[in-house]
Amino acid sequence: MAIQTWNLDTTHSTLGFMVRHMVVAKVHGRFTRFEGKVVLDGEDLTRGSAEVKIEAASLDTGVEQRDNHLRSPDFFDVAAFPKLIFRSKRVETAGKGHYRVTGDLTIRDVTREVVLDAELLGRMKDPWGNERLAFQASTSIDRKDFGLVWNQALETGGLLVGERVDISVDVQAVAAPAGEKAA
């Protein structure tokens, strides 16, 4: 199989996150608007690459007041930094169907290397004849490394917002038309 480009199917993909709240609870959220491509060599997935661009303002935790605070300069400052971007740099095999995807994650114009633990869930043809791939990946970051430093001390000890953010990615990608060039 030759090198092939796959476009993220954003209606069947989820980019989620989880952070501790008040030390003991967890708050989950997701980004609802993003786009991306995966370029794969069917013979050797370690020669693949990925790029995802996320609209920072599309974050959704299910609570409007919290979402507005997260969009403010205290956190993502979406007016000044409208995009979060991930660009892979290398892919390594980590067992059958499992991979370590190392890449640069940019948040608030701060770029740090992250490693995603990824699993190829499968390849299939949908009822309309489109080829699809499904992946799942996860990583954790320290939000302070990206300039997301706002917090508040709790009277009982600890901080209001945890520093570690767990990121989970569930992706379906559709084979791009034959004429579309690899990124």
Protein backbone atom coordinates (compact mmCIF):
# COMPACT_ATOMS: atom_id res chain seq x y z
CA MET A 1 0.00 0.00 0.00
CA ALA A 2 1.30 3.44 -0.92
CA ILE A 3 1.39 6.56 1.22
CA GLN A 4 -2.17 7.70 1.79
CA THR A 5 -3.74 10.79 3.35
CA TRP A 6 -6.66 10.41 5.75
CA ASN A 7 -8.86 13.33 6.87
CA LEU A 8 -10.25 13.36 10.39
CA ASP A 9 -13.98 12.76 10.47
CA THR A 10 -14.82 15.35 13.09
CA THR A 11 -18.41 14.14 13.47
CA HIS A 12 -17.13 10.74 14.62
CA SER A 13 -14.07 11.87 16.57
CA THR A 14 -13.61 13.24 20.08
CA LEU A 15 -10.77 15.31 21.52
CA GLY A 16 -11.31 15.20 25.26
CA PHE A 17 -9.58 16.25 28.45
CA MET A 18 -9.91 15.72 32.20
CA VAL A 19 -8.50 17.72 35.10
CA ARG A 20 -8.88 17.43 38.87
CA HIS A 21 -11.15 19.99 40.54
CA MET A 22 -10.87 20.76 44.25
CA VAL A 23 -8.40 17.89 44.62
CA VAL A 24 -10.99 15.09 44.79
CA ALA A 25 -13.31 15.60 41.82
CA LYS A 26 -12.73 15.39 38.07
CA VAL A 27 -13.98 17.75 35.38
CA HIS A 28 -14.24 16.43 31.82
CA GLY A 29 -14.38 18.48 28.67
CA ARG A 30 -13.82 18.35 24.95
CA PHE A 31 -13.10 20.50 21.93
CA THR A 32 -15.91 20.50 19.38
CA ARG A 33 -14.22 22.15 16.36
CA PHE A 34 -11.00 20.82 14.88
CA GLU A 35 -9.50 19.56 11.67
CA GLY A 36 -6.64 17.28 10.86
CA LYS A 37 -4.89 14.86 8.58
CA VAL A 38 -3.04 11.62 9.06
CA VAL A 39 -0.56 10.47 6.42
CA LEU A 40 0.22 6.77 6.54
CA ASP A 41 2.39 4.28 4.76
CA GLY A 42 0.29 1.11 4.80
CA GLU A 43 3.41 -1.04 4.87
CA ASP A 44 4.99 0.75 7.84
CA LEU A 45 2.87 2.95 10.10
CA THR A 46 6.01 4.25 11.83
CA ARG A 47 6.61 6.33 8.69
CA GLY A 48 3.31 8.13 9.29
CA SER A 49 2.53 11.64 10.43
CA ALA A 50 -0.38 13.60 11.85
CA GLU A 51 -1.42 17.21 12.23
CA VAL A 52 -4.44 18.50 14.13
CA LYS A 53 -5.60 22.10 14.51
CA ILE A 54 -8.11 22.79 17.28
CA GLU A 55 -10.24 25.90 17.76
CA ALA A 56 -9.54 26.86 21.37
CA ALA A 57 -12.89 28.65 21.73
CA SER A 58 -14.72 25.38 20.99
CA LEU A 59 -13.96 23.92 24.42
CA ASP A 60 -17.01 22.52 26.17
CA THR A 61 -17.24 21.24 29.75
CA GLY A 62 -21.00 21.45 29.89
CA VAL A 63 -20.98 24.53 32.17
CA GLU A 64 -21.11 27.87 30.34
CA GLN A 65 -19.63 29.94 33.19
CA ARG A 66 -16.65 27.56 33.52
CA ASP A 67 -16.19 27.44 29.73
CA ASN A 68 -16.11 31.23 29.55
CA HIS A 69 -13.49 31.32 32.32
CA LEU A 70 -11.39 28.73 30.46
CA ARG A 71 -11.61 30.87 27.29
CA SER A 72 -10.44 33.99 29.22
CA PRO A 73 -6.84 35.24 29.64
CA ASP A 74 -6.70 33.25 32.92
CA PHE A 75 -6.46 30.07 30.85
CA PHE A 76 -6.54 29.65 27.05
CA ASP A 77 -6.95 33.35 26.15
CA VAL A 78 -8.73 32.36 22.94
CA ALA A 79 -8.81 35.95 21.62
CA ALA A 80 -5.00 36.07 21.54
CA PHE A 81 -4.36 32.34 20.91
CA PRO A 82 -7.22 30.94 18.82
CA LYS A 83 -5.63 27.57 17.91
CA LEU A 84 -4.09 24.60 19.64
CA ILE A 85 -1.91 22.59 17.25
CA PHE A 86 -0.38 19.12 17.35
CA ARG A 87 2.22 18.05 14.76
CA SER A 88 3.80 14.63 15.00
CA LYS A 89 7.56 14.23 14.65
CA ARG A 90 7.95 10.45 14.85
CA VAL A 91 6.01 7.24 15.36
CA GLU A 92 7.43 4.17 17.08
CA THR A 93 5.99 0.69 17.47
CA ALA A 94 4.99 -0.13 21.05
CA GLY A 95 3.52 -3.62 20.56
CA LYS A 96 1.06 -5.14 18.12
CA GLY A 97 -1.27 -2.35 16.98
CA HIS A 98 0.17 0.05 19.56
CA TYR A 99 2.36 3.07 18.86
CA ARG A 100 4.12 5.96 20.60
CA VAL A 101 3.49 9.14 18.65
CA THR A 102 5.89 11.93 19.58
CA GLY A 103 5.04 15.42 18.47
CA ASP A 104 4.88 19.10 19.25
CA LEU A 105 1.81 20.45 21.03
CA THR A 106 1.30 24.21 20.90
CA ILE A 107 -0.99 25.96 23.38
CA ARG A 108 -0.87 29.76 23.91
CA ASP A 109 2.09 29.92 21.49
CA VAL A 110 4.08 27.64 23.80
CA THR A 111 5.30 24.47 22.12
CA ARG A 112 6.31 21.39 24.08
CA GLU A 113 7.04 17.85 23.00
CA VAL A 114 4.43 15.29 24.07
CA VAL A 115 4.13 11.55 23.59
CA LEU A 116 0.78 9.96 22.84
CA ASP A 117 0.17 6.29 23.50
CA ALA A 118 -1.85 5.29 20.45
CA GLU A 119 -3.71 2.20 19.30
CA LEU A 120 -4.87 1.42 15.79
CA LEU A 121 -8.40 0.14 16.40
CA GLY A 122 -8.98 -0.98 12.84
CA ARG A 123 -9.59 -0.24 9.22
CA MET A 124 -12.96 -0.70 7.55
CA LYS A 125 -15.19 0.33 4.68
CA ASP A 126 -18.32 2.25 5.63
CA PRO A 127 -21.74 1.54 4.03
CA TRP A 128 -21.06 4.28 1.43
CA GLY A 129 -17.79 2.74 0.23
CA ASN A 130 -15.41 5.10 2.05
CA GLU A 131 -12.29 3.64 3.63
CA ARG A 132 -11.93 4.50 7.31
CA LEU A 133 -9.34 4.11 10.05
CA ALA A 134 -9.97 4.34 13.76
CA PHE A 135 -7.38 5.32 16.38
CA GLN A 136 -7.38 5.94 20.08
CA ALA A 137 -4.64 7.87 21.90
CA SER A 138 -3.90 9.41 25.27
CA THR A 139 -1.32 11.50 27.06
CA SER A 140 -0.97 13.72 30.12
CA ILE A 141 0.51 17.20 30.29
CA ASP A 142 1.30 19.72 33.01
CA ARG A 143 -0.83 22.73 32.09
CA LYS A 144 1.71 25.11 33.67
CA ASP A 145 4.22 24.09 30.98
CA PHE A 146 1.92 25.81 28.46
CA GLY A 147 1.31 29.00 30.41
CA LEU A 148 -2.00 27.86 31.93
CA VAL A 149 -1.05 28.86 35.46
CA TRP A 150 -4.18 30.38 37.03
CA ASN A 151 -5.24 28.71 40.25
CA GLN A 152 -6.71 29.33 43.67
CA ALA A 153 -5.65 27.85 47.00
CA LEU A 154 -8.33 25.98 48.91
CA GLU A 155 -8.99 26.71 52.57
CA THR A 156 -8.66 22.99 53.33
CA GLY A 157 -5.39 22.65 51.42
CA GLY A 158 -4.60 21.93 47.83
CA LEU A 159 -5.53 23.89 44.72
CA LEU A 160 -8.84 24.49 42.97
CA VAL A 161 -7.60 23.24 39.57
CA GLY A 162 -5.20 20.34 39.14
CA GLU A 163 -1.99 20.86 37.21
CA ARG A 164 -2.06 17.54 35.35
CA VAL A 165 -4.40 17.37 32.38
CA ASP A 166 -5.25 13.97 30.90
CA ILE A 167 -5.95 14.10 27.17
CA SER A 168 -7.90 11.42 25.31
CA VAL A 169 -8.36 11.20 21.56
CA ASP A 170 -10.79 8.94 19.71
CA VAL A 171 -10.49 9.40 15.97
CA GLN A 172 -12.08 8.14 12.81
CA ALA A 173 -10.33 9.20 9.63
CA VAL A 174 -11.60 8.89 6.06
CA ALA A 175 -9.31 8.21 3.10
CA ALA A 176 -8.77 11.42 1.17
CA PRO A 177 -9.62 11.54 -2.53
CA ALA A 178 -6.80 10.17 -4.70
CA GLY A 179 -5.76 13.63 -5.93
CA GLU A 180 -5.28 15.11 -2.44
CA LYS A 181 -1.61 15.56 -1.59
CA ALA A 182 -0.02 14.30 1.58
CA ALA A 183 0.80 17.03 4.14
